[in-house]
Amino acid sequence: MNYTSVLEKLENNEITPELAYKSLYKDKKVKPGKRAFFVKLRINVPNEGKKINTFLKVLFAIPIPIMFARLGLRIASKYAGSDGESIDFKEISRLLKYSKNTMVQVDTEDAQVDIKIM
């Protein structure tokens, strides 16, 4: 079936939305992203002064291997409390592994964090 015929059958209630989805997207395979090897962090805390920011720049001057970042996520999962939020650290770790060329910027009142996955 082609795209328009499936949509026409769906509009006329001849098929269910699930069947329409399966017939339209059954041949599509999801390829994983490119494998990442390093995580580069840049942290700026404007209220703490120049010494703290210089220390953070020196501490994160070298990119962190993805293996250590995933290990940190595993350790964080052990200490994360169950305060109502359910965070799937295994899924985050899997996504981190295959997310090359991704940049995340977090801006709050307390700090600015730039994360680049290489």
Protein backbone atom coordinates (compact mmCIF):
# COMPACT_ATOMS: atom_id res chain seq x y z
CA MET A 1 0.00 0.00 0.00
CA ASN A 2 1.14 3.49 -0.70
CA TYR A 3 0.93 6.45 1.63
CA THR A 4 -2.24 8.08 0.30
CA SER A 5 -4.25 4.85 0.13
CA VAL A 6 -3.39 4.02 3.73
CA LEU A 7 -4.44 7.49 4.87
CA GLU A 8 -7.69 7.28 2.90
CA LYS A 9 -8.51 3.90 4.49
CA LEU A 10 -7.71 5.34 7.89
CA GLU A 11 -9.95 8.35 7.25
CA ASN A 12 -12.84 6.07 6.22
CA ASN A 13 -12.30 3.91 9.36
CA GLU A 14 -11.50 0.83 7.26
CA ILE A 15 -8.30 0.18 9.21
CA THR A 16 -7.12 0.99 12.71
CA PRO A 17 -4.44 3.61 13.41
CA GLU A 18 -2.08 0.87 14.63
CA LEU A 19 -2.46 -1.10 11.40
CA ALA A 20 -1.97 2.08 9.37
CA TYR A 21 1.22 2.87 11.28
CA LYS A 22 2.55 -0.66 10.79
CA SER A 23 1.82 -0.64 7.07
CA LEU A 24 3.45 2.76 6.57
CA TYR A 25 6.56 2.22 8.67
CA LYS A 26 7.19 -1.52 8.62
CA ASP A 27 10.23 -1.31 6.31
CA LYS A 28 11.94 1.52 8.16
CA LYS A 29 14.88 0.37 10.27
CA VAL A 30 16.37 2.61 12.89
CA LYS A 31 20.12 2.90 12.62
CA PRO A 32 22.03 3.70 15.77
CA GLY A 33 23.96 6.96 15.78
CA LYS A 34 27.69 7.19 15.45
CA ARG A 35 29.63 5.86 18.38
CA ALA A 36 30.98 8.49 20.75
CA PHE A 37 34.36 8.28 22.45
CA PHE A 38 34.73 11.42 24.60
CA VAL A 39 32.66 13.92 26.60
CA LYS A 40 33.88 17.50 26.86
CA LEU A 41 32.52 19.61 29.73
CA ARG A 42 32.68 23.36 30.22
CA ILE A 43 31.28 24.69 33.48
CA ASN A 44 30.98 28.35 34.45
CA VAL A 45 29.71 29.42 37.88
CA PRO A 46 29.40 33.23 37.70
CA ASN A 47 28.67 33.85 41.40
CA GLU A 48 31.72 31.96 42.71
CA GLY A 49 34.51 34.11 41.37
CA LYS A 50 37.52 33.63 39.14
CA LYS A 51 39.36 31.01 41.24
CA ILE A 52 36.54 28.45 41.14
CA ASN A 53 35.95 28.97 37.43
CA THR A 54 39.67 28.59 36.70
CA PHE A 55 39.75 25.38 38.75
CA LEU A 56 36.78 24.00 36.79
CA LYS A 57 38.41 24.92 33.46
CA VAL A 58 41.62 23.12 34.45
CA LEU A 59 39.73 20.12 35.86
CA PHE A 60 37.73 19.61 32.65
CA ALA A 61 40.39 20.79 30.16
CA ILE A 62 40.87 17.27 28.81
CA PRO A 63 37.88 15.41 27.34
CA ILE A 64 36.59 12.58 29.50
CA PRO A 65 36.51 9.13 27.86
CA ILE A 66 32.95 7.90 27.38
CA MET A 67 33.81 4.81 29.43
CA PHE A 68 34.33 6.98 32.55
CA ALA A 69 31.17 9.00 31.87
CA ARG A 70 29.13 5.80 31.69
CA LEU A 71 30.80 4.56 34.88
CA GLY A 72 29.80 7.83 36.56
CA LEU A 73 26.20 7.28 35.46
CA ARG A 74 26.27 3.79 36.96
CA ILE A 75 27.54 5.18 40.27
CA ALA A 76 24.95 7.97 40.17
CA SER A 77 22.17 5.45 39.69
CA LYS A 78 23.10 3.81 43.00
CA TYR A 79 22.93 7.09 44.92
CA ALA A 80 19.91 8.60 43.16
CA GLY A 81 17.00 8.71 45.55
CA SER A 82 13.47 7.81 44.64
CA ASP A 83 12.01 11.29 45.12
CA GLY A 84 9.12 10.73 42.73
CA GLU A 85 11.18 11.07 39.56
CA SER A 86 11.98 7.95 37.64
CA ILE A 87 15.28 8.31 35.80
CA ASP A 88 16.42 5.41 33.66
CA PHE A 89 20.21 5.61 33.95
CA LYS A 90 20.71 2.52 31.76
CA GLU A 91 18.84 4.20 28.90
CA ILE A 92 20.83 7.43 29.36
CA SER A 93 24.05 5.41 29.29
CA ARG A 94 23.00 3.63 26.09
CA LEU A 95 22.03 6.90 24.44
CA LEU A 96 25.30 8.50 25.51
CA LYS A 97 27.26 5.73 23.82
CA TYR A 98 25.73 6.41 20.38
CA SER A 99 25.30 10.18 20.36
CA LYS A 100 28.40 11.53 18.64
CA ASN A 101 28.37 15.23 17.67
CA THR A 102 25.70 16.12 20.24
CA MET A 103 25.81 19.33 22.24
CA VAL A 104 23.78 20.11 25.35
CA GLN A 105 23.69 23.54 26.97
CA VAL A 106 22.24 24.00 30.44
CA ASP A 107 21.79 27.58 31.63
CA THR A 108 20.53 28.27 35.14
CA GLU A 109 20.86 31.16 37.55
CA ASP A 110 23.64 29.31 39.37
CA ALA A 111 25.76 27.94 36.51
CA GLN A 112 26.19 27.41 32.79
CA VAL A 113 27.17 23.92 31.67
CA ASP A 114 28.10 22.99 28.10
CA ILE A 115 28.37 19.28 27.28
CA LYS A 116 29.80 18.18 23.94
CA ILE A 117 29.90 14.50 23.01
CA MET A 118 32.68 13.64 20.56
